[in-house]
């Protein structure tokens, strides 16, 4: 299914089910009042009765709902940017492997980077838009709006291996080492044929 059609379908489903579906994160106490859950120091969600629920796919250690939401929003933006970078022709062929392997590793890398930023500076951090088209490597940057500089740069490179074919190498660079070292996220095999340009 085309990416734009998928997005439209998600919006329509969200509108149609508005009010019918109650999110599982809403918890009621004995008086049937809705209680907003709290993220505890272990990354779990604690309700008013003290029971703990896992905070999700990420093993995060955040102290407020706002910080948790901020990480979730950035993860969603990173996913959208990466899918846009790959373009419909590429994502159609590698989507399953991307969702199973690359996306969880991107989430984990973002968690590590944002943990190093610190909770007090998290509100100043954002994901840049506009991945590079054609043959450029840039997917997105993690940008500190307060310091006006990149914290990390996420890239995907095309590697050609003799007698194997083309691979997509996902990696990121961080400002601490001057963006020199490649921090590996993962690889996806394409084919022996040349893949289309990014965003094609």
N, C-alpha and C. Protein backbone atom coordinates (compact mmCIF):
# COMPACT_ATOMS: atom_id res chain seq x y z
N UNK A 1 0.85 -1.18 0.00
CA UNK A 1 0.00 0.00 0.00
C UNK A 1 0.89 1.24 0.00
N UNK A 2 0.51 2.21 -0.76
CA UNK A 2 1.28 3.46 -0.83
C UNK A 2 1.29 4.13 0.54
N UNK A 3 2.39 4.83 0.82
CA UNK A 3 2.57 5.47 2.12
C UNK A 3 1.48 6.49 2.40
N UNK A 4 1.12 7.31 1.42
CA UNK A 4 0.10 8.33 1.65
C UNK A 4 -1.26 7.71 1.90
N UNK A 5 -1.54 6.57 1.22
CA UNK A 5 -2.81 5.89 1.44
C UNK A 5 -2.86 5.32 2.85
N UNK A 6 -1.74 4.80 3.32
CA UNK A 6 -1.66 4.24 4.67
C UNK A 6 -1.90 5.34 5.71
N UNK A 7 -1.32 6.51 5.49
CA UNK A 7 -1.51 7.62 6.42
C UNK A 7 -2.97 8.07 6.45
N UNK A 8 -3.60 8.14 5.29
CA UNK A 8 -5.00 8.53 5.23
C UNK A 8 -5.86 7.50 5.95
N UNK A 9 -5.56 6.22 5.76
CA UNK A 9 -6.32 5.16 6.42
C UNK A 9 -6.20 5.27 7.94
N UNK A 10 -5.01 5.57 8.44
CA UNK A 10 -4.81 5.71 9.88
C UNK A 10 -5.64 6.88 10.42
N UNK A 11 -5.64 8.00 9.70
CA UNK A 11 -6.41 9.16 10.15
C UNK A 11 -7.90 8.84 10.16
N UNK A 12 -8.40 8.19 9.09
CA UNK A 12 -9.81 7.85 9.03
C UNK A 12 -10.21 6.88 10.13
N UNK A 13 -9.40 5.90 10.39
CA UNK A 13 -9.69 4.95 11.47
C UNK A 13 -9.70 5.65 12.81
N UNK A 14 -8.75 6.57 13.00
CA UNK A 14 -8.70 7.32 14.26
C UNK A 14 -9.97 8.15 14.45
N UNK A 15 -10.45 8.77 13.38
CA UNK A 15 -11.67 9.58 13.47
C UNK A 15 -12.89 8.70 13.73
N UNK A 16 -12.98 7.57 13.02
CA UNK A 16 -14.13 6.69 13.17
C UNK A 16 -14.21 6.05 14.55
N UNK A 17 -13.09 5.76 15.15
CA UNK A 17 -13.08 5.07 16.44
C UNK A 17 -13.00 6.03 17.61
N UNK A 18 -13.03 7.31 17.37
CA UNK A 18 -12.94 8.31 18.44
C UNK A 18 -14.06 8.09 19.44
N UNK A 19 -13.71 7.84 20.67
CA UNK A 19 -14.69 7.64 21.73
C UNK A 19 -15.09 6.19 21.92
N UNK A 20 -14.83 5.34 20.94
CA UNK A 20 -15.19 3.93 21.07
C UNK A 20 -14.09 3.17 21.79
N UNK A 21 -12.86 3.48 21.51
CA UNK A 21 -11.71 2.79 22.09
C UNK A 21 -11.20 3.57 23.30
N UNK A 22 -11.07 2.90 24.41
CA UNK A 22 -10.48 3.51 25.60
C UNK A 22 -9.05 3.04 25.71
N UNK A 23 -8.09 3.95 25.68
CA UNK A 23 -6.69 3.55 25.76
C UNK A 23 -6.39 2.79 27.05
N UNK A 24 -5.52 1.79 26.97
CA UNK A 24 -5.21 0.96 28.13
C UNK A 24 -4.41 1.69 29.18
N UNK A 25 -3.82 2.83 28.83
CA UNK A 25 -3.04 3.54 29.82
C UNK A 25 -3.90 4.35 30.79
N UNK A 26 -5.20 4.47 30.50
CA UNK A 26 -6.09 5.13 31.44
C UNK A 26 -6.51 4.11 32.49
N UNK A 27 -6.29 4.44 33.73
CA UNK A 27 -6.55 3.52 34.82
C UNK A 27 -7.60 4.13 35.73
N UNK A 28 -8.55 3.32 36.21
CA UNK A 28 -9.55 3.85 37.13
C UNK A 28 -9.28 3.33 38.53
N UNK A 29 -9.57 4.15 39.52
CA UNK A 29 -9.42 3.72 40.90
C UNK A 29 -10.77 3.23 41.42
N UNK A 30 -10.89 2.98 42.75
CA UNK A 30 -12.11 2.42 43.33
C UNK A 30 -13.34 3.30 43.11
N UNK A 31 -13.17 4.62 43.06
CA UNK A 31 -14.29 5.53 42.88
C UNK A 31 -14.59 5.75 41.40
N UNK A 32 -14.01 4.94 40.52
CA UNK A 32 -14.18 5.03 39.07
C UNK A 32 -13.75 6.37 38.50
N UNK A 33 -12.76 6.98 39.12
CA UNK A 33 -12.18 8.19 38.58
C UNK A 33 -11.00 7.79 37.71
N UNK A 34 -10.83 8.48 36.59
CA UNK A 34 -9.70 8.21 35.72
C UNK A 34 -8.45 8.80 36.35
N UNK A 35 -7.43 7.97 36.47
CA UNK A 35 -6.18 8.39 37.09
C UNK A 35 -5.08 8.31 36.06
N UNK A 36 -4.34 9.38 35.91
CA UNK A 36 -3.21 9.36 34.99
C UNK A 36 -2.08 8.56 35.61
N UNK A 37 -1.53 7.60 34.89
CA UNK A 37 -0.45 6.79 35.45
C UNK A 37 0.83 7.59 35.61
N UNK A 38 1.67 7.15 36.50
CA UNK A 38 2.96 7.79 36.74
C UNK A 38 4.06 6.83 36.30
N UNK A 39 5.08 7.37 35.63
CA UNK A 39 6.23 6.57 35.23
C UNK A 39 7.20 6.56 36.40
N UNK A 40 7.49 5.35 36.92
CA UNK A 40 8.39 5.28 38.08
C UNK A 40 9.84 5.23 37.63
N UNK A 41 10.74 5.20 38.58
CA UNK A 41 12.18 5.25 38.27
C UNK A 41 12.69 4.02 37.55
N UNK A 42 11.94 2.90 37.57
CA UNK A 42 12.35 1.70 36.85
C UNK A 42 11.84 1.67 35.43
N UNK A 43 11.14 2.74 35.02
CA UNK A 43 10.60 2.79 33.67
C UNK A 43 9.25 2.14 33.55
N UNK A 44 8.68 1.67 34.67
CA UNK A 44 7.35 1.06 34.66
C UNK A 44 6.30 2.11 34.94
N UNK A 45 5.05 1.75 34.71
CA UNK A 45 3.96 2.67 34.97
C UNK A 45 3.25 2.19 36.23
N UNK A 46 3.07 3.09 37.19
CA UNK A 46 2.44 2.75 38.46
C UNK A 46 1.09 3.43 38.54
N UNK A 47 0.03 2.66 38.90
CA UNK A 47 -1.28 3.28 39.08
C UNK A 47 -1.48 3.61 40.55
N UNK A 48 -2.70 4.07 40.89
CA UNK A 48 -2.96 4.50 42.26
C UNK A 48 -2.91 3.35 43.25
N UNK A 49 -3.06 2.11 42.78
CA UNK A 49 -3.02 0.95 43.66
C UNK A 49 -1.60 0.43 43.85
N UNK A 50 -0.66 1.03 43.16
CA UNK A 50 0.73 0.62 43.30
C UNK A 50 1.15 -0.49 42.35
N UNK A 51 0.23 -0.96 41.48
CA UNK A 51 0.63 -2.00 40.55
C UNK A 51 1.45 -1.39 39.43
N UNK A 52 2.38 -2.18 38.91
CA UNK A 52 3.32 -1.67 37.92
C UNK A 52 3.07 -2.36 36.59
N UNK A 53 3.14 -1.58 35.53
CA UNK A 53 2.99 -2.07 34.18
C UNK A 53 4.22 -1.64 33.40
N UNK A 54 4.69 -2.46 32.46
CA UNK A 54 5.86 -2.10 31.66
C UNK A 54 5.56 -0.85 30.85
N UNK A 55 6.54 0.03 30.74
CA UNK A 55 6.34 1.31 30.05
C UNK A 55 6.31 1.18 28.55
N UNK A 56 6.54 0.02 27.97
CA UNK A 56 6.49 -0.12 26.52
C UNK A 56 7.68 -0.89 26.01
N UNK A 57 7.96 -0.71 24.73
CA UNK A 57 9.06 -1.43 24.10
C UNK A 57 10.42 -0.98 24.59
N UNK A 58 10.50 0.28 25.03
CA UNK A 58 11.79 0.82 25.43
C UNK A 58 11.99 0.68 26.92
N UNK A 59 13.20 0.37 27.32
CA UNK A 59 13.55 0.30 28.73
C UNK A 59 13.98 1.70 29.14
N UNK A 60 13.01 2.59 29.37
CA UNK A 60 13.35 3.98 29.63
C UNK A 60 13.28 4.27 31.12
N UNK A 61 14.05 5.24 31.53
CA UNK A 61 14.10 5.65 32.92
C UNK A 61 13.77 7.14 32.99
N UNK A 62 12.49 7.46 32.86
CA UNK A 62 12.05 8.83 32.87
C UNK A 62 11.19 9.06 34.11
N UNK A 63 11.18 10.29 34.59
CA UNK A 63 10.50 10.56 35.84
C UNK A 63 9.14 11.21 35.68
N UNK A 64 8.80 11.73 34.50
CA UNK A 64 7.49 12.35 34.32
C UNK A 64 6.84 11.87 33.04
N UNK A 65 5.52 12.05 33.00
CA UNK A 65 4.76 11.70 31.79
C UNK A 65 5.22 12.53 30.60
N UNK A 66 5.57 13.79 30.84
CA UNK A 66 6.00 14.69 29.78
C UNK A 66 7.27 14.19 29.11
N UNK A 67 8.21 13.71 29.92
CA UNK A 67 9.46 13.19 29.37
C UNK A 67 9.20 11.92 28.55
N UNK A 68 8.32 11.07 29.05
CA UNK A 68 7.97 9.85 28.33
C UNK A 68 7.31 10.21 27.00
N UNK A 69 6.37 11.16 27.03
CA UNK A 69 5.69 11.59 25.80
C UNK A 69 6.67 12.22 24.82
N UNK A 70 7.62 12.98 25.33
CA UNK A 70 8.62 13.61 24.48
C UNK A 70 9.45 12.57 23.74
N UNK A 71 9.86 11.52 24.44
CA UNK A 71 10.62 10.44 23.81
C UNK A 71 9.77 9.72 22.78
N UNK A 72 8.53 9.44 23.12
CA UNK A 72 7.63 8.76 22.19
C UNK A 72 7.42 9.60 20.93
N UNK A 73 7.22 10.91 21.09
CA UNK A 73 7.02 11.78 19.93
C UNK A 73 8.26 11.80 19.04
N UNK A 74 9.43 11.88 19.64
CA UNK A 74 10.66 11.89 18.84
C UNK A 74 10.86 10.57 18.13
N UNK A 75 10.51 9.47 18.78
CA UNK A 75 10.62 8.16 18.16
C UNK A 75 9.70 8.06 16.95
N UNK A 76 8.49 8.58 17.09
CA UNK A 76 7.53 8.56 15.98
C UNK A 76 8.03 9.44 14.82
N UNK A 77 8.59 10.60 15.15
CA UNK A 77 9.15 11.48 14.11
C UNK A 77 10.31 10.79 13.41
N UNK A 78 11.17 10.12 14.17
CA UNK A 78 12.31 9.42 13.59
C UNK A 78 11.84 8.33 12.63
N UNK A 79 10.81 7.59 13.03
CA UNK A 79 10.25 6.55 12.17
C UNK A 79 9.72 7.15 10.88
N UNK A 80 8.94 8.24 10.99
CA UNK A 80 8.37 8.88 9.80
C UNK A 80 9.47 9.39 8.87
N UNK A 81 10.50 10.02 9.44
CA UNK A 81 11.60 10.55 8.64
C UNK A 81 12.34 9.42 7.91
N UNK A 82 12.56 8.31 8.60
CA UNK A 82 13.29 7.19 7.99
C UNK A 82 12.49 6.57 6.86
N UNK A 83 11.18 6.40 7.07
CA UNK A 83 10.33 5.85 6.02
C UNK A 83 10.27 6.80 4.82
N UNK A 84 10.19 8.11 5.09
CA UNK A 84 10.19 9.09 4.00
C UNK A 84 11.51 9.04 3.25
N UNK A 85 12.61 8.89 3.96
CA UNK A 85 13.94 8.83 3.34
C UNK A 85 14.03 7.65 2.37
N UNK A 86 13.54 6.51 2.80
CA UNK A 86 13.64 5.31 1.97
C UNK A 86 12.76 5.41 0.73
N UNK A 87 11.65 6.08 0.86
CA UNK A 87 10.76 6.22 -0.28
C UNK A 87 9.89 5.00 -0.49
N UNK A 88 8.78 5.15 -1.19
CA UNK A 88 7.83 4.05 -1.34
C UNK A 88 8.38 2.83 -2.08
N UNK A 89 9.25 3.04 -3.05
CA UNK A 89 9.76 1.90 -3.83
C UNK A 89 10.68 1.02 -3.00
N UNK A 90 11.47 1.62 -2.12
CA UNK A 90 12.38 0.83 -1.29
C UNK A 90 11.64 0.24 -0.09
N UNK A 91 10.84 1.06 0.59
CA UNK A 91 10.17 0.60 1.81
C UNK A 91 9.21 -0.55 1.52
N UNK A 92 8.62 -0.54 0.32
CA UNK A 92 7.70 -1.63 -0.06
C UNK A 92 8.40 -2.99 0.01
N UNK A 93 9.66 -3.01 -0.36
CA UNK A 93 10.40 -4.28 -0.40
C UNK A 93 11.03 -4.65 0.95
N UNK A 94 11.42 -3.66 1.75
CA UNK A 94 12.19 -3.96 2.98
C UNK A 94 11.44 -3.59 4.26
N UNK A 95 10.15 -3.28 4.16
CA UNK A 95 9.41 -2.79 5.32
C UNK A 95 9.41 -3.75 6.50
N UNK A 96 9.19 -5.03 6.26
CA UNK A 96 9.14 -5.99 7.37
C UNK A 96 10.46 -6.03 8.15
N UNK A 97 11.56 -6.11 7.42
CA UNK A 97 12.87 -6.15 8.07
C UNK A 97 13.18 -4.82 8.76
N UNK A 98 12.77 -3.72 8.14
CA UNK A 98 12.98 -2.41 8.75
C UNK A 98 12.25 -2.31 10.08
N UNK A 99 10.97 -2.70 10.11
CA UNK A 99 10.17 -2.61 11.33
C UNK A 99 10.68 -3.56 12.41
N UNK A 100 11.17 -4.73 12.01
CA UNK A 100 11.61 -5.72 12.99
C UNK A 100 13.01 -5.47 13.52
N UNK A 101 13.89 -4.93 12.70
CA UNK A 101 15.31 -4.82 13.08
C UNK A 101 15.77 -3.38 13.26
N UNK A 102 15.59 -2.56 12.26
CA UNK A 102 16.16 -1.21 12.26
C UNK A 102 15.43 -0.28 13.21
N UNK A 103 14.11 -0.23 13.14
CA UNK A 103 13.35 0.71 13.97
C UNK A 103 13.59 0.51 15.47
N UNK A 104 13.58 -0.72 16.00
CA UNK A 104 13.88 -0.87 17.43
C UNK A 104 15.28 -0.38 17.79
N UNK A 105 16.24 -0.56 16.89
CA UNK A 105 17.61 -0.09 17.16
C UNK A 105 17.70 1.44 17.10
N UNK A 106 16.91 2.06 16.22
CA UNK A 106 16.85 3.52 16.19
C UNK A 106 16.26 4.04 17.50
N UNK A 107 15.20 3.39 17.98
CA UNK A 107 14.58 3.77 19.24
C UNK A 107 15.57 3.65 20.40
N UNK A 108 16.31 2.57 20.41
CA UNK A 108 17.30 2.35 21.46
C UNK A 108 18.41 3.41 21.41
N UNK A 109 18.87 3.74 20.20
CA UNK A 109 19.90 4.77 20.05
C UNK A 109 19.38 6.13 20.50
N UNK A 110 18.13 6.45 20.14
CA UNK A 110 17.52 7.71 20.58
C UNK A 110 17.43 7.76 22.10
N UNK A 111 17.04 6.65 22.71
CA UNK A 111 16.93 6.61 24.16
C UNK A 111 18.28 6.90 24.80
N UNK A 112 19.34 6.29 24.29
CA UNK A 112 20.69 6.51 24.82
C UNK A 112 21.10 7.97 24.67
N UNK A 113 20.86 8.53 23.50
CA UNK A 113 21.23 9.93 23.24
C UNK A 113 20.46 10.87 24.15
N UNK A 114 19.15 10.65 24.28
CA UNK A 114 18.32 11.53 25.10
C UNK A 114 18.61 11.37 26.59
N UNK A 115 19.02 10.19 27.00
CA UNK A 115 19.41 9.99 28.39
C UNK A 115 20.65 10.82 28.70
N UNK A 116 21.59 10.89 27.74
CA UNK A 116 22.81 11.68 27.92
C UNK A 116 22.52 13.18 27.93
N UNK A 117 21.44 13.60 27.26
CA UNK A 117 21.06 15.01 27.23
C UNK A 117 20.62 15.46 28.62
N UNK A 118 19.92 14.60 29.33
CA UNK A 118 19.43 14.93 30.66
C UNK A 118 17.99 15.39 30.62
N UNK A 119 17.25 15.06 31.67
CA UNK A 119 15.82 15.37 31.74
C UNK A 119 15.52 16.86 31.65
N UNK A 120 16.38 17.68 32.27
CA UNK A 120 16.11 19.12 32.31
C UNK A 120 16.26 19.78 30.94
N UNK A 121 17.02 19.18 30.01
CA UNK A 121 17.23 19.76 28.68
C UNK A 121 16.41 19.08 27.59
N UNK A 122 15.63 18.08 27.96
CA UNK A 122 14.90 17.28 26.98
C UNK A 122 13.92 18.11 26.16
N UNK A 123 13.34 19.13 26.77
CA UNK A 123 12.35 19.95 26.05
C UNK A 123 12.99 20.80 24.95
N UNK A 124 14.32 20.94 24.95
CA UNK A 124 15.00 21.73 23.94
C UNK A 124 15.45 20.89 22.74
N UNK A 125 15.25 19.59 22.81
CA UNK A 125 15.75 18.68 21.78
C UNK A 125 14.64 18.37 20.78
N UNK A 126 15.00 18.34 19.49
CA UNK A 126 14.02 18.04 18.44
C UNK A 126 14.66 17.22 17.33
N UNK A 127 13.82 16.69 16.46
CA UNK A 127 14.25 15.93 15.29
C UNK A 127 14.13 16.87 14.09
N UNK A 128 15.20 16.99 13.30
CA UNK A 128 15.14 17.85 12.12
C UNK A 128 14.37 17.14 11.01
N UNK A 129 13.83 17.91 10.11
CA UNK A 129 13.08 17.35 9.00
C UNK A 129 13.92 17.44 7.73
N UNK A 130 13.33 16.95 6.64
CA UNK A 130 13.93 16.95 5.31
C UNK A 130 15.16 16.04 5.19
N UNK A 131 14.93 14.74 5.05
CA UNK A 131 16.05 13.85 4.74
C UNK A 131 16.61 14.17 3.35
N UNK A 132 17.85 13.80 3.12
CA UNK A 132 18.50 14.08 1.85
C UNK A 132 17.99 13.13 0.77
N UNK A 133 17.65 13.69 -0.37
CA UNK A 133 17.18 12.88 -1.51
C UNK A 133 18.37 12.35 -2.29
N UNK A 134 18.05 11.59 -3.35
CA UNK A 134 19.09 11.10 -4.26
C UNK A 134 19.98 10.06 -3.63
N UNK A 135 21.27 10.41 -3.48
CA UNK A 135 22.23 9.46 -2.94
C UNK A 135 22.82 9.91 -1.60
N UNK A 136 22.35 11.03 -1.04
CA UNK A 136 22.85 11.52 0.24
C UNK A 136 22.50 10.57 1.38
N UNK A 137 23.29 10.60 2.45
CA UNK A 137 23.11 9.67 3.57
C UNK A 137 22.16 10.16 4.65
N UNK A 138 21.96 11.45 4.80
CA UNK A 138 21.23 12.00 5.95
C UNK A 138 19.78 11.52 6.01
N UNK A 139 19.39 11.01 7.20
CA UNK A 139 17.99 10.69 7.47
C UNK A 139 17.40 11.84 8.29
N UNK A 140 17.97 12.06 9.48
CA UNK A 140 17.55 13.16 10.34
C UNK A 140 18.67 13.44 11.34
N UNK A 141 18.59 14.61 11.96
CA UNK A 141 19.53 14.98 13.03
C UNK A 141 18.74 15.18 14.31
N UNK A 142 19.38 14.89 15.43
CA UNK A 142 18.83 15.24 16.73
C UNK A 142 19.47 16.58 17.08
N UNK A 143 18.64 17.61 17.25
CA UNK A 143 19.12 18.99 17.35
C UNK A 143 18.78 19.59 18.70
N UNK A 144 19.75 20.27 19.31
CA UNK A 144 19.54 20.98 20.56
C UNK A 144 19.22 22.44 20.21
N UNK A 145 17.97 22.84 20.40
CA UNK A 145 17.53 24.20 20.05
C UNK A 145 18.11 25.26 20.97
N UNK A 146 18.50 24.87 22.18
CA UNK A 146 19.07 25.82 23.12
C UNK A 146 20.53 26.13 22.76
N UNK A 147 21.31 25.09 22.46
CA UNK A 147 22.71 25.26 22.10
C UNK A 147 22.90 25.55 20.62
N UNK A 148 21.85 25.38 19.82
CA UNK A 148 21.88 25.60 18.37
C UNK A 148 22.92 24.71 17.69
N UNK A 149 22.89 23.40 18.03
CA UNK A 149 23.82 22.47 17.40
C UNK A 149 23.24 21.07 17.38
N UNK A 150 23.77 20.26 16.46
CA UNK A 150 23.36 18.86 16.38
C UNK A 150 23.96 18.08 17.53
N UNK A 151 23.17 17.17 18.07
CA UNK A 151 23.65 16.25 19.10
C UNK A 151 24.06 14.94 18.44
N UNK A 152 23.25 14.52 17.45
CA UNK A 152 23.52 13.27 16.73
C UNK A 152 22.99 13.39 15.31
N UNK A 153 23.61 12.62 14.42
CA UNK A 153 23.21 12.59 13.01
C UNK A 153 22.97 11.15 12.60
N UNK A 154 21.77 10.86 12.13
CA UNK A 154 21.41 9.50 11.71
C UNK A 154 21.49 9.42 10.19
N UNK A 155 22.18 8.39 9.71
CA UNK A 155 22.44 8.23 8.28
C UNK A 155 22.11 6.82 7.81
N UNK A 156 21.92 6.68 6.51
CA UNK A 156 21.84 5.36 5.87
C UNK A 156 22.71 5.43 4.61
N UNK A 157 23.59 4.46 4.48
CA UNK A 157 24.53 4.43 3.36
C UNK A 157 24.27 3.18 2.53
N UNK A 158 24.52 3.30 1.22
CA UNK A 158 24.43 2.14 0.32
C UNK A 158 25.81 1.50 0.24
N UNK A 159 25.89 0.24 0.59
CA UNK A 159 27.15 -0.49 0.46
C UNK A 159 26.99 -1.52 -0.63
N UNK A 160 28.02 -1.65 -1.49
CA UNK A 160 28.03 -2.67 -2.53
C UNK A 160 29.11 -3.68 -2.15
N UNK A 161 28.69 -4.92 -1.96
CA UNK A 161 29.63 -5.97 -1.62
C UNK A 161 29.77 -6.90 -2.81
N UNK A 162 31.01 -7.17 -3.22
CA UNK A 162 31.22 -8.04 -4.37
C UNK A 162 30.52 -9.39 -4.20
N UNK A 163 29.82 -9.80 -5.21
CA UNK A 163 29.09 -11.06 -5.30
C UNK A 163 27.96 -11.20 -4.29
N UNK A 164 27.66 -10.14 -3.55
CA UNK A 164 26.51 -10.16 -2.63
C UNK A 164 25.43 -9.21 -3.11
N UNK A 165 25.85 -8.01 -3.49
CA UNK A 165 24.89 -7.02 -3.93
C UNK A 165 24.86 -5.81 -3.01
N UNK A 166 23.71 -5.13 -2.98
CA UNK A 166 23.57 -3.87 -2.26
C UNK A 166 22.99 -4.09 -0.86
N UNK A 167 23.54 -3.37 0.09
CA UNK A 167 23.08 -3.37 1.48
C UNK A 167 22.83 -1.93 1.89
N UNK A 168 21.84 -1.72 2.75
CA UNK A 168 21.60 -0.42 3.36
C UNK A 168 22.18 -0.47 4.77
N UNK A 169 23.17 0.39 5.02
CA UNK A 169 23.86 0.43 6.31
C UNK A 169 23.34 1.62 7.12
N UNK A 170 22.58 1.35 8.18
CA UNK A 170 22.04 2.39 9.05
C UNK A 170 23.02 2.62 10.20
N UNK A 171 23.35 3.89 10.45
CA UNK A 171 24.28 4.22 11.53
C UNK A 171 24.03 5.66 11.98
N UNK A 172 24.69 6.04 13.06
CA UNK A 172 24.60 7.42 13.51
C UNK A 172 25.94 7.90 14.04
N UNK A 173 26.07 9.22 14.11
CA UNK A 173 27.28 9.87 14.63
C UNK A 173 26.85 10.78 15.77
N UNK A 174 27.73 10.98 16.74
CA UNK A 174 27.42 11.86 17.87
C UNK A 174 28.43 12.99 17.96
N UNK A 175 28.02 14.09 18.58
CA UNK A 175 28.87 15.28 18.67
C UNK A 175 30.08 15.08 19.58
N UNK A 176 29.98 14.17 20.57
CA UNK A 176 31.09 13.97 21.52
C UNK A 176 32.40 13.61 20.84
N UNK A 177 32.34 12.85 19.74
CA UNK A 177 33.58 12.46 19.04
C UNK A 177 33.75 13.22 17.73
N UNK A 178 33.05 14.34 17.60
CA UNK A 178 33.16 15.15 16.38
C UNK A 178 32.54 14.49 15.17
N UNK A 179 31.56 13.62 15.39
CA UNK A 179 30.84 12.92 14.32
C UNK A 179 31.75 12.01 13.50
N UNK A 180 32.84 11.55 14.10
CA UNK A 180 33.81 10.72 13.39
C UNK A 180 33.42 9.24 13.40
N UNK A 181 33.06 8.71 14.56
CA UNK A 181 32.82 7.27 14.71
C UNK A 181 31.43 6.88 14.21
N UNK A 182 31.36 5.73 13.52
CA UNK A 182 30.08 5.17 13.10
C UNK A 182 29.54 4.30 14.23
N UNK A 183 28.34 4.63 14.70
CA UNK A 183 27.65 3.79 15.68
C UNK A 183 26.60 3.01 14.88
N UNK A 184 26.80 1.72 14.78
CA UNK A 184 25.97 0.88 13.91
C UNK A 184 24.57 0.69 14.48
N UNK A 185 23.57 0.84 13.61
CA UNK A 185 22.18 0.56 13.95
C UNK A 185 21.79 -0.80 13.37
N UNK A 186 22.17 -1.05 12.13
CA UNK A 186 21.85 -2.32 11.50
C UNK A 186 21.96 -2.23 9.99
N UNK A 187 21.77 -3.36 9.33
CA UNK A 187 21.86 -3.43 7.87
C UNK A 187 20.67 -4.19 7.32
N UNK A 188 20.27 -3.81 6.10
CA UNK A 188 19.23 -4.51 5.37
C UNK A 188 19.76 -4.82 3.98
N UNK A 189 19.58 -6.06 3.56
CA UNK A 189 20.00 -6.46 2.22
C UNK A 189 18.95 -6.00 1.21
N UNK A 190 19.41 -5.43 0.09
CA UNK A 190 18.50 -5.00 -0.96
C UNK A 190 18.39 -6.05 -2.05
N UNK A 191 19.44 -6.17 -2.87
CA UNK A 191 19.40 -7.06 -4.02
C UNK A 191 20.73 -6.89 -4.75
N UNK A 192 20.93 -7.67 -5.80
CA UNK A 192 22.12 -7.47 -6.63
C UNK A 192 21.91 -6.32 -7.60
N UNK A 193 20.66 -5.98 -7.87
CA UNK A 193 20.35 -4.85 -8.74
C UNK A 193 20.48 -3.54 -7.97
N UNK A 194 20.81 -2.46 -8.67
CA UNK A 194 20.97 -1.15 -8.04
C UNK A 194 19.62 -0.67 -7.49
N UNK A 195 19.60 -0.24 -6.23
CA UNK A 195 18.34 0.27 -5.68
C UNK A 195 18.02 1.64 -6.24
N UNK A 196 16.73 2.03 -6.19
CA UNK A 196 16.37 3.38 -6.67
C UNK A 196 16.95 4.45 -5.74
N UNK A 197 16.93 5.69 -6.20
CA UNK A 197 17.41 6.80 -5.36
C UNK A 197 16.52 6.91 -4.13
N UNK A 198 17.08 7.53 -3.08
CA UNK A 198 16.30 7.77 -1.87
C UNK A 198 15.10 8.64 -2.20
N UNK A 199 14.02 8.37 -1.53
CA UNK A 199 12.77 9.11 -1.64
C UNK A 199 12.10 8.97 -3.00
N UNK A 200 12.53 7.97 -3.78
CA UNK A 200 11.93 7.77 -5.13
C UNK A 200 10.68 6.91 -5.01
